[in-house]
Amino acid sequence: MGGHYKTDTDALGKFVASLESSVDELDAARVALSHVRGDQVGTARLDAACDTFQDRWRYGTEQLSEQIGGIAEGVKDNKLSYEELEKNLADALNKFQASTSGGK
């Protein structure tokens, strides 16, 4: 029955890396957009809209970065827990096998 349950810790590691790179990409996009000022775009109304967008974009990306960072930490912790569980289970099974086989 236990053979049907498997945790792919390598996939969890890749998922963490993907989450972390998405935070980096969000930050890079925000920095790239921060160089375009509203007063460079055109009319006063468009300039104000661009400035408002920049403020909201910055706030939104900061919030997403925090949330994604929290998720990444949780996945890392789970990955480490699964790896520790697998090691402990393997050790216990090896000890059990050694005790039932008479040390042969």
C-alpha atoms as a PDB file:
ATOM      1  CA  MET A   1       0.000   0.000   0.000  1.00  0.00           C
ATOM      2  CA  GLY A   2       2.813   2.418   0.848  1.00  0.00           C
ATOM      3  CA  GLY A   3       4.309   1.889  -2.596  1.00  0.00           C
ATOM      4  CA  HIS A   4       1.597   4.076  -4.077  1.00  0.00           C
ATOM      5  CA  TYR A   5       2.670   7.138  -2.119  1.00  0.00           C
ATOM      6  CA  LYS A   6       5.803   8.937  -3.213  1.00  0.00           C
ATOM      7  CA  THR A   7       7.046  12.463  -2.678  1.00  0.00           C
ATOM      8  CA  ASP A   8       9.333  13.777  -5.392  1.00  0.00           C
ATOM      9  CA  THR A   9      11.703  15.955  -3.373  1.00  0.00           C
ATOM     10  CA  ASP A  10      13.623  16.919  -6.514  1.00  0.00           C
ATOM     11  CA  ALA A  11      10.409  18.348  -7.955  1.00  0.00           C
ATOM     12  CA  LEU A  12       9.829  20.246  -4.707  1.00  0.00           C
ATOM     13  CA  GLY A  13      13.318  21.714  -5.011  1.00  0.00           C
ATOM     14  CA  LYS A  14      12.632  22.783  -8.587  1.00  0.00           C
ATOM     15  CA  PHE A  15       9.337  24.326  -7.500  1.00  0.00           C
ATOM     16  CA  VAL A  16      11.129  26.374  -4.826  1.00  0.00           C
ATOM     17  CA  ALA A  17      13.661  27.566  -7.413  1.00  0.00           C
ATOM     18  CA  SER A  18      10.819  28.515  -9.752  1.00  0.00           C
ATOM     19  CA  LEU A  19       9.069  30.479  -7.000  1.00  0.00           C
ATOM     20  CA  GLU A  20      12.273  32.285  -6.102  1.00  0.00           C
ATOM     21  CA  SER A  21      13.005  33.172  -9.731  1.00  0.00           C
ATOM     22  CA  SER A  22       9.472  34.512 -10.156  1.00  0.00           C
ATOM     23  CA  VAL A  23      10.121  36.942  -7.295  1.00  0.00           C
ATOM     24  CA  ASP A  24      13.341  38.048  -9.002  1.00  0.00           C
ATOM     25  CA  GLU A  25      11.503  38.524 -12.305  1.00  0.00           C
ATOM     26  CA  LEU A  26       8.753  40.583 -10.655  1.00  0.00           C
ATOM     27  CA  ASP A  27      11.359  42.796  -9.023  1.00  0.00           C
ATOM     28  CA  ALA A  28      13.243  43.202 -12.312  1.00  0.00           C
ATOM     29  CA  ALA A  29      10.043  44.195 -14.124  1.00  0.00           C
ATOM     30  CA  ARG A  30       9.212  46.734 -11.428  1.00  0.00           C
ATOM     31  CA  VAL A  31      12.702  48.257 -11.596  1.00  0.00           C
ATOM     32  CA  ALA A  32      12.577  48.405 -15.398  1.00  0.00           C
ATOM     33  CA  LEU A  33       9.219  50.173 -15.302  1.00  0.00           C
ATOM     34  CA  SER A  34      10.344  52.585 -12.599  1.00  0.00           C
ATOM     35  CA  HIS A  35      12.648  54.284 -15.110  1.00  0.00           C
ATOM     36  CA  VAL A  36       9.662  55.422 -17.174  1.00  0.00           C
ATOM     37  CA  ARG A  37       8.189  58.464 -15.495  1.00  0.00           C
ATOM     38  CA  GLY A  38       4.704  59.742 -16.117  1.00  0.00           C
ATOM     39  CA  ASP A  39       6.013  63.113 -17.290  1.00  0.00           C
ATOM     40  CA  GLN A  40       7.797  61.365 -20.165  1.00  0.00           C
ATOM     41  CA  VAL A  41       4.649  59.829 -21.622  1.00  0.00           C
ATOM     42  CA  GLY A  42       2.416  62.671 -22.726  1.00  0.00           C
ATOM     43  CA  THR A  43      -0.605  64.522 -21.406  1.00  0.00           C
ATOM     44  CA  ALA A  44      -1.001  65.468 -17.750  1.00  0.00           C
ATOM     45  CA  ARG A  45      -3.868  62.993 -17.383  1.00  0.00           C
ATOM     46  CA  LEU A  46      -1.818  60.168 -18.889  1.00  0.00           C
ATOM     47  CA  ASP A  47       1.166  61.169 -16.758  1.00  0.00           C
ATOM     48  CA  ALA A  48      -0.960  60.972 -13.596  1.00  0.00           C
ATOM     49  CA  ALA A  49      -2.360  57.599 -14.647  1.00  0.00           C
ATOM     50  CA  CYS A  50       1.173  56.274 -15.221  1.00  0.00           C
ATOM     51  CA  ASP A  51       2.317  57.495 -11.809  1.00  0.00           C
ATOM     52  CA  THR A  52      -0.704  55.881 -10.145  1.00  0.00           C
ATOM     53  CA  PHE A  53      -0.016  52.642 -11.991  1.00  0.00           C
ATOM     54  CA  GLN A  54       3.640  52.710 -10.870  1.00  0.00           C
ATOM     55  CA  ASP A  55       2.594  53.111  -7.245  1.00  0.00           C
ATOM     56  CA  ARG A  56       0.065  50.291  -7.451  1.00  0.00           C
ATOM     57  CA  TRP A  57       2.441  48.051  -9.385  1.00  0.00           C
ATOM     58  CA  ARG A  58       5.173  48.576  -6.788  1.00  0.00           C
ATOM     59  CA  TYR A  59       2.782  47.816  -3.928  1.00  0.00           C
ATOM     60  CA  GLY A  60       1.348  44.767  -5.712  1.00  0.00           C
ATOM     61  CA  THR A  61       4.718  43.293  -6.609  1.00  0.00           C
ATOM     62  CA  GLU A  62       5.974  43.823  -3.071  1.00  0.00           C
ATOM     63  CA  GLN A  63       2.933  41.993  -1.702  1.00  0.00           C
ATOM     64  CA  LEU A  64       3.312  39.164  -4.228  1.00  0.00           C
ATOM     65  CA  SER A  65       7.013  38.877  -3.447  1.00  0.00           C
ATOM     66  CA  GLU A  66       6.282  38.517   0.262  1.00  0.00           C
ATOM     67  CA  GLN A  67       3.585  35.912  -0.316  1.00  0.00           C
ATOM     68  CA  ILE A  68       5.640  33.931  -2.810  1.00  0.00           C
ATOM     69  CA  GLY A  69       8.603  34.061  -0.432  1.00  0.00           C
ATOM     70  CA  GLY A  70       6.420  32.622   2.328  1.00  0.00           C
ATOM     71  CA  ILE A  71       5.210  29.838   0.058  1.00  0.00           C
ATOM     72  CA  ALA A  72       8.782  29.067  -1.008  1.00  0.00           C
ATOM     73  CA  GLU A  73       9.877  28.805   2.633  1.00  0.00           C
ATOM     74  CA  GLY A  74       6.975  26.475   3.401  1.00  0.00           C
ATOM     75  CA  VAL A  75       7.795  24.230   0.441  1.00  0.00           C
ATOM     76  CA  LYS A  76      11.477  24.176   1.465  1.00  0.00           C
ATOM     77  CA  ASP A  77      10.499  23.141   4.990  1.00  0.00           C
ATOM     78  CA  ASN A  78       8.227  20.393   3.624  1.00  0.00           C
ATOM     79  CA  LYS A  79      10.976  19.164   1.307  1.00  0.00           C
ATOM     80  CA  LEU A  80      13.412  18.913   4.214  1.00  0.00           C
ATOM     81  CA  SER A  81      10.795  17.122   6.328  1.00  0.00           C
ATOM     82  CA  TYR A  82      10.122  14.572   3.586  1.00  0.00           C
ATOM     83  CA  GLU A  83      13.847  13.975   3.110  1.00  0.00           C
ATOM     84  CA  GLU A  84      14.295  13.480   6.856  1.00  0.00           C
ATOM     85  CA  LEU A  85      11.289  11.145   6.985  1.00  0.00           C
ATOM     86  CA  GLU A  86      12.639   9.068   4.088  1.00  0.00           C
ATOM     87  CA  LYS A  87      16.048   8.790   5.750  1.00  0.00           C
ATOM     88  CA  ASN A  88      14.570   7.820   9.122  1.00  0.00           C
ATOM     89  CA  LEU A  89      12.234   5.290   7.518  1.00  0.00           C
ATOM     90  CA  ALA A  90      15.075   3.741   5.512  1.00  0.00           C
ATOM     91  CA  ASP A  91      17.211   3.519   8.669  1.00  0.00           C
ATOM     92  CA  ALA A  92      14.358   1.886  10.607  1.00  0.00           C
ATOM     93  CA  LEU A  93      13.653  -0.617   7.829  1.00  0.00           C
ATOM     94  CA  ASN A  94      17.347  -1.488   7.548  1.00  0.00           C
ATOM     95  CA  LYS A  95      17.538  -2.087  11.319  1.00  0.00           C
ATOM     96  CA  PHE A  96      14.392  -4.202  11.198  1.00  0.00           C
ATOM     97  CA  GLN A  97      15.740  -6.242   8.307  1.00  0.00           C
ATOM     98  CA  ALA A  98      19.041  -6.777  10.100  1.00  0.00           C
ATOM     99  CA  SER A  99      17.271  -7.900  13.281  1.00  0.00           C
ATOM    100  CA  THR A 100      14.971 -10.354  11.483  1.00  0.00           C
ATOM    101  CA  SER A 101      17.679 -11.871   9.326  1.00  0.00           C
ATOM    102  CA  GLY A 102      19.884 -12.620  12.305  1.00  0.00           C
ATOM    103  CA  GLY A 103      22.519 -10.140  11.183  1.00  0.00           C
ATOM    104  CA  LYS A 104      23.276 -12.137   8.036  1.00  0.00           C
END
